[in-house]
Protein backbone atom coordinates (compact mmCIF):
# COMPACT_ATOMS: atom_id res chain seq x y z
CA UNK A 1 58.05 33.77 10.90
CA UNK A 2 60.29 30.75 11.30
CA UNK A 3 57.43 28.37 10.39
CA UNK A 4 56.75 30.32 7.21
CA UNK A 5 60.43 30.17 6.26
CA UNK A 6 60.51 26.42 6.91
CA UNK A 7 57.36 25.92 4.80
CA UNK A 8 58.87 27.98 2.00
CA UNK A 9 62.11 25.98 2.16
CA UNK A 10 60.18 22.69 1.98
CA UNK A 11 58.19 24.01 -0.97
CA UNK A 12 61.40 24.96 -2.81
CA UNK A 13 62.94 21.54 -2.13
CA UNK A 14 59.79 19.76 -3.34
CA UNK A 15 59.73 21.87 -6.52
CA UNK A 16 63.41 21.12 -7.17
CA UNK A 17 62.76 17.39 -6.79
CA UNK A 18 59.85 17.55 -9.23
CA UNK A 19 62.02 19.39 -11.76
CA UNK A 20 64.81 16.84 -11.32
CA UNK A 21 62.39 13.97 -12.01
CA UNK A 22 60.27 15.34 -14.85
CA UNK A 23 62.64 17.51 -16.91
CA UNK A 24 64.91 14.65 -18.07
CA UNK A 25 61.85 12.67 -19.19
CA UNK A 26 60.52 15.65 -21.13
CA UNK A 27 63.90 16.32 -22.77
CA UNK A 28 64.30 12.65 -23.72
CA UNK A 29 60.91 12.67 -25.43
CA UNK A 30 61.76 15.80 -27.42
CA UNK A 31 64.90 14.48 -29.15
CA UNK A 32 62.98 13.67 -32.33
CA UNK A 33 64.28 10.08 -32.33
CA UNK A 34 62.25 6.88 -31.88
CA UNK A 35 63.54 3.30 -31.98
CA UNK A 36 61.42 0.19 -32.56
CA UNK A 37 63.02 -3.18 -31.76
CA UNK A 38 61.56 -6.29 -33.42
CA UNK A 39 62.40 -9.96 -33.24
CA UNK A 40 60.95 -13.39 -32.50
CA UNK A 41 58.56 -13.95 -29.62
CA UNK A 42 60.13 -17.32 -28.77
CA UNK A 43 63.45 -19.11 -29.37
CA UNK A 44 65.38 -22.20 -28.28
CA UNK A 45 67.98 -21.74 -25.56
CA UNK A 46 71.37 -21.10 -27.17
CA UNK A 47 69.96 -20.35 -30.63
CA UNK A 48 71.11 -17.30 -32.59
CA UNK A 49 68.21 -14.89 -33.02
CA UNK A 50 67.85 -11.85 -35.26
CA UNK A 51 66.81 -8.55 -33.66
CA UNK A 52 66.15 -5.55 -35.91
CA UNK A 53 66.08 -1.98 -34.64
CA UNK A 54 64.50 0.72 -36.81
CA UNK A 55 65.45 4.29 -35.95
CA UNK A 56 63.20 7.18 -36.99
CA UNK A 57 65.29 10.31 -36.80
CA UNK A 58 63.11 13.35 -37.55
CA UNK A 59 65.90 15.82 -36.69
CA UNK A 60 68.31 14.00 -39.06
CA UNK A 61 71.22 13.76 -36.64
CA UNK A 62 73.81 12.88 -39.22
CA UNK A 63 76.28 10.18 -39.82
CA UNK A 64 76.15 6.66 -41.18
CA UNK A 65 78.96 5.68 -38.85
CA UNK A 66 76.99 6.07 -35.63
CA UNK A 67 76.74 2.90 -33.59
CA UNK A 68 73.67 1.42 -31.90
CA UNK A 69 73.96 -0.96 -28.96
CA UNK A 70 71.89 -3.95 -27.91
CA UNK A 71 71.35 -4.74 -24.24
CA UNK A 72 69.92 -7.74 -22.41
CA UNK A 73 68.39 -7.86 -18.95
CA UNK A 74 70.83 -9.82 -16.77
CA UNK A 75 71.00 -9.98 -12.98
CA UNK A 76 68.27 -7.37 -12.65
CA UNK A 77 69.90 -4.76 -14.91
CA UNK A 78 70.60 -4.09 -18.55
CA UNK A 79 73.95 -5.35 -19.80
CA UNK A 80 75.44 -4.31 -23.14
CA UNK A 81 75.90 -7.45 -25.24
CA UNK A 82 76.84 -5.94 -28.60
CA UNK A 83 76.99 -2.95 -30.90
CA UNK A 84 76.79 -2.37 -34.62
CA UNK A 85 76.87 0.52 -37.10
CA UNK A 86 73.52 1.91 -38.24
CA UNK A 87 72.69 1.84 -41.97
CA UNK A 88 70.99 5.12 -42.91
CA UNK A 89 68.51 5.83 -45.70
CA UNK A 90 66.19 8.68 -46.70
CA UNK A 91 68.80 11.36 -46.11
CA UNK A 92 69.56 10.28 -42.56
CA UNK A 93 65.99 10.21 -41.32
CA UNK A 94 65.63 6.42 -41.13
CA UNK A 95 68.20 3.92 -39.96
CA UNK A 96 68.23 0.18 -39.44
CA UNK A 97 70.56 -2.13 -37.61
CA UNK A 98 70.38 -5.91 -37.32
CA UNK A 99 71.83 -7.68 -34.30
CA UNK A 100 72.43 -11.44 -34.09
CA UNK A 101 72.44 -12.51 -30.45
CA UNK A 102 72.52 -15.84 -28.63
CA UNK A 103 69.25 -16.54 -26.80
CA UNK A 104 69.97 -16.99 -23.11
CA UNK A 105 67.13 -16.96 -20.62
CA UNK A 106 66.90 -15.46 -17.20
CA UNK A 107 65.56 -17.49 -14.26
CA UNK A 108 62.02 -16.89 -15.55
CA UNK A 109 62.72 -18.35 -19.02
CA UNK A 110 62.35 -14.96 -20.70
CA UNK A 111 65.02 -12.77 -22.25
CA UNK A 112 64.46 -9.03 -22.43
CA UNK A 113 66.28 -6.98 -25.07
CA UNK A 114 66.53 -3.25 -25.65
CA UNK A 115 68.42 -1.19 -28.24
CA UNK A 116 69.93 2.24 -27.68
CA UNK A 117 71.39 4.92 -29.92
CA UNK A 118 73.34 7.93 -28.71
CA UNK A 119 72.70 11.08 -30.70
CA UNK A 120 73.33 14.82 -30.18
CA UNK A 121 69.92 15.09 -28.49
CA UNK A 122 70.81 12.38 -25.94
CA UNK A 123 70.52 8.61 -25.73
CA UNK A 124 67.31 7.15 -27.14
CA UNK A 125 66.20 3.67 -26.08
CA UNK A 126 63.82 1.31 -27.84
CA UNK A 127 60.89 -0.63 -26.55
CA UNK A 128 61.63 -3.73 -24.48
CA UNK A 129 61.39 -6.90 -26.57
CA UNK A 130 60.56 -10.02 -24.55
CA UNK A 131 61.55 -13.41 -26.00
CA UNK A 132 60.40 -16.65 -24.42
CA UNK A 133 63.33 -19.07 -24.24
CA UNK A 134 62.63 -22.82 -24.24
């Protein structure tokens, strides 16, 4: 009897862990928002580079005064290096934001950038853009 109870308890704990891992990923994918970050593939160290984030907002979370942020991989984590208001078009279903950032390389000579936009459905992050810094 005790072994069955222990097995049941372990099964419940394992199920709870699976829910804790997979539900946030499923909810993040269902927000109806996608961000694509574009920019140069290479730049000189210290140069100002243009990064453009395009937001596709199928649920039309409103507001032209929402702010998107740009992050760079520094010391093994993402660090916020700037933010800017999103310019909306098509009734709030498509937004663009252009960031000008200074190209600074990590130890590997590559800078990684990622944009994020907080909306009522949660925070949506873009693809990771890698820029080779010379």
